[in-house]
Amino acid sequence: PGHQDVAGRWIVRHAYDAEDGGKPKLRIDALRWTEDGWPQL
């Protein structure tokens, strides 16, 4: 994983994709919270 930022309920980050020859990828995913307050993707 690379760096990330949280904007509302979204997490935006960059990472290198080992399954695609190590190419950098931008990832945007919904961020949810567990009942006990932990973040979950």
N, C-alpha and C. Protein backbone atom coordinates (compact mmCIF):
# COMPACT_ATOMS: atom_id res chain seq x y z
N PRO A 1 0.81 -1.20 0.00
CA PRO A 1 0.00 0.00 0.00
C PRO A 1 0.85 1.26 0.00
N GLY A 2 0.27 2.31 -0.48
CA GLY A 2 0.93 3.61 -0.49
C GLY A 2 0.29 4.55 0.50
N HIS A 3 0.13 5.78 0.09
CA HIS A 3 -0.50 6.78 0.95
C HIS A 3 -2.00 6.76 0.76
N GLN A 4 -2.73 7.28 1.75
CA GLN A 4 -4.18 7.30 1.67
C GLN A 4 -4.73 8.59 2.26
N ASP A 5 -5.99 8.86 1.94
CA ASP A 5 -6.71 9.99 2.50
C ASP A 5 -8.17 9.57 2.64
N VAL A 6 -8.81 10.06 3.68
CA VAL A 6 -10.22 9.77 3.91
C VAL A 6 -11.01 11.04 3.64
N ALA A 7 -12.05 10.90 2.81
CA ALA A 7 -12.94 12.01 2.49
C ALA A 7 -14.37 11.54 2.73
N GLY A 8 -14.94 11.92 3.84
CA GLY A 8 -16.28 11.46 4.18
C GLY A 8 -16.27 9.96 4.40
N ARG A 9 -17.04 9.25 3.60
CA ARG A 9 -17.09 7.79 3.75
C ARG A 9 -16.26 7.07 2.70
N TRP A 10 -15.31 7.77 2.07
CA TRP A 10 -14.46 7.19 1.04
C TRP A 10 -13.01 7.22 1.47
N ILE A 11 -12.27 6.17 1.09
CA ILE A 11 -10.82 6.15 1.29
C ILE A 11 -10.18 6.10 -0.10
N VAL A 12 -9.25 7.00 -0.34
CA VAL A 12 -8.56 7.11 -1.62
C VAL A 12 -7.09 6.84 -1.36
N ARG A 13 -6.50 5.95 -2.15
CA ARG A 13 -5.10 5.59 -1.91
C ARG A 13 -4.44 5.13 -3.20
N HIS A 14 -3.13 5.10 -3.18
CA HIS A 14 -2.42 4.52 -4.31
C HIS A 14 -1.63 3.33 -3.81
N ALA A 15 -1.45 2.38 -4.69
CA ALA A 15 -0.72 1.17 -4.34
C ALA A 15 -0.11 0.59 -5.61
N TYR A 16 0.84 -0.29 -5.45
CA TYR A 16 1.45 -0.98 -6.58
C TYR A 16 0.83 -2.36 -6.70
N ASP A 17 0.36 -2.69 -7.89
CA ASP A 17 -0.37 -3.93 -8.14
C ASP A 17 0.60 -5.05 -8.51
N ALA A 18 0.85 -5.95 -7.59
CA ALA A 18 1.78 -7.06 -7.82
C ALA A 18 1.28 -7.99 -8.93
N GLU A 19 -0.04 -8.07 -9.12
CA GLU A 19 -0.59 -8.94 -10.15
C GLU A 19 -0.58 -8.29 -11.53
N ASP A 20 -0.17 -7.02 -11.61
CA ASP A 20 -0.11 -6.31 -12.89
C ASP A 20 1.28 -5.72 -13.10
N GLY A 21 2.29 -6.50 -12.77
CA GLY A 21 3.67 -6.10 -13.01
C GLY A 21 4.17 -4.95 -12.14
N GLY A 22 3.52 -4.71 -11.02
CA GLY A 22 3.95 -3.65 -10.12
C GLY A 22 3.52 -2.25 -10.55
N LYS A 23 2.56 -2.17 -11.46
CA LYS A 23 2.09 -0.86 -11.93
C LYS A 23 1.36 -0.12 -10.81
N PRO A 24 1.53 1.20 -10.73
CA PRO A 24 0.81 1.97 -9.71
C PRO A 24 -0.68 2.06 -10.07
N LYS A 25 -1.51 1.98 -9.06
CA LYS A 25 -2.97 2.03 -9.25
C LYS A 25 -3.58 2.98 -8.23
N LEU A 26 -4.65 3.67 -8.63
CA LEU A 26 -5.44 4.49 -7.75
C LEU A 26 -6.62 3.66 -7.28
N ARG A 27 -6.82 3.60 -5.97
CA ARG A 27 -7.92 2.82 -5.41
C ARG A 27 -8.87 3.76 -4.67
N ILE A 28 -10.16 3.62 -4.91
CA ILE A 28 -11.18 4.39 -4.21
C ILE A 28 -12.22 3.38 -3.71
N ASP A 29 -12.40 3.32 -2.40
CA ASP A 29 -13.32 2.36 -1.82
C ASP A 29 -14.18 3.03 -0.76
N ALA A 30 -15.38 2.48 -0.55
CA ALA A 30 -16.25 2.94 0.52
C ALA A 30 -15.65 2.52 1.86
N LEU A 31 -15.73 3.40 2.82
CA LEU A 31 -15.22 3.13 4.16
C LEU A 31 -16.42 2.91 5.07
N ARG A 32 -16.42 1.78 5.77
CA ARG A 32 -17.49 1.45 6.70
C ARG A 32 -16.90 1.30 8.09
N TRP A 33 -17.74 1.30 9.09
CA TRP A 33 -17.29 1.17 10.47
C TRP A 33 -17.98 -0.03 11.11
N THR A 34 -17.21 -0.81 11.88
CA THR A 34 -17.78 -1.95 12.59
C THR A 34 -18.57 -1.43 13.80
N GLU A 35 -19.35 -2.30 14.42
CA GLU A 35 -20.14 -1.91 15.59
C GLU A 35 -19.27 -1.42 16.74
N ASP A 36 -18.03 -1.93 16.81
CA ASP A 36 -17.15 -1.50 17.90
C ASP A 36 -16.20 -0.37 17.49
N GLY A 37 -16.48 0.29 16.34
CA GLY A 37 -15.78 1.51 15.98
C GLY A 37 -14.53 1.39 15.13
N TRP A 38 -14.27 0.21 14.56
CA TRP A 38 -13.09 0.04 13.72
C TRP A 38 -13.44 0.27 12.25
N PRO A 39 -12.53 0.91 11.49
CA PRO A 39 -12.78 1.09 10.06
C PRO A 39 -12.68 -0.24 9.31
N GLN A 40 -13.46 -0.36 8.25
CA GLN A 40 -13.49 -1.60 7.47
C GLN A 40 -13.68 -1.24 6.00
N LEU A 41 -12.92 -1.91 5.13
CA LEU A 41 -13.07 -1.69 3.69
C LEU A 41 -13.98 -2.72 3.09
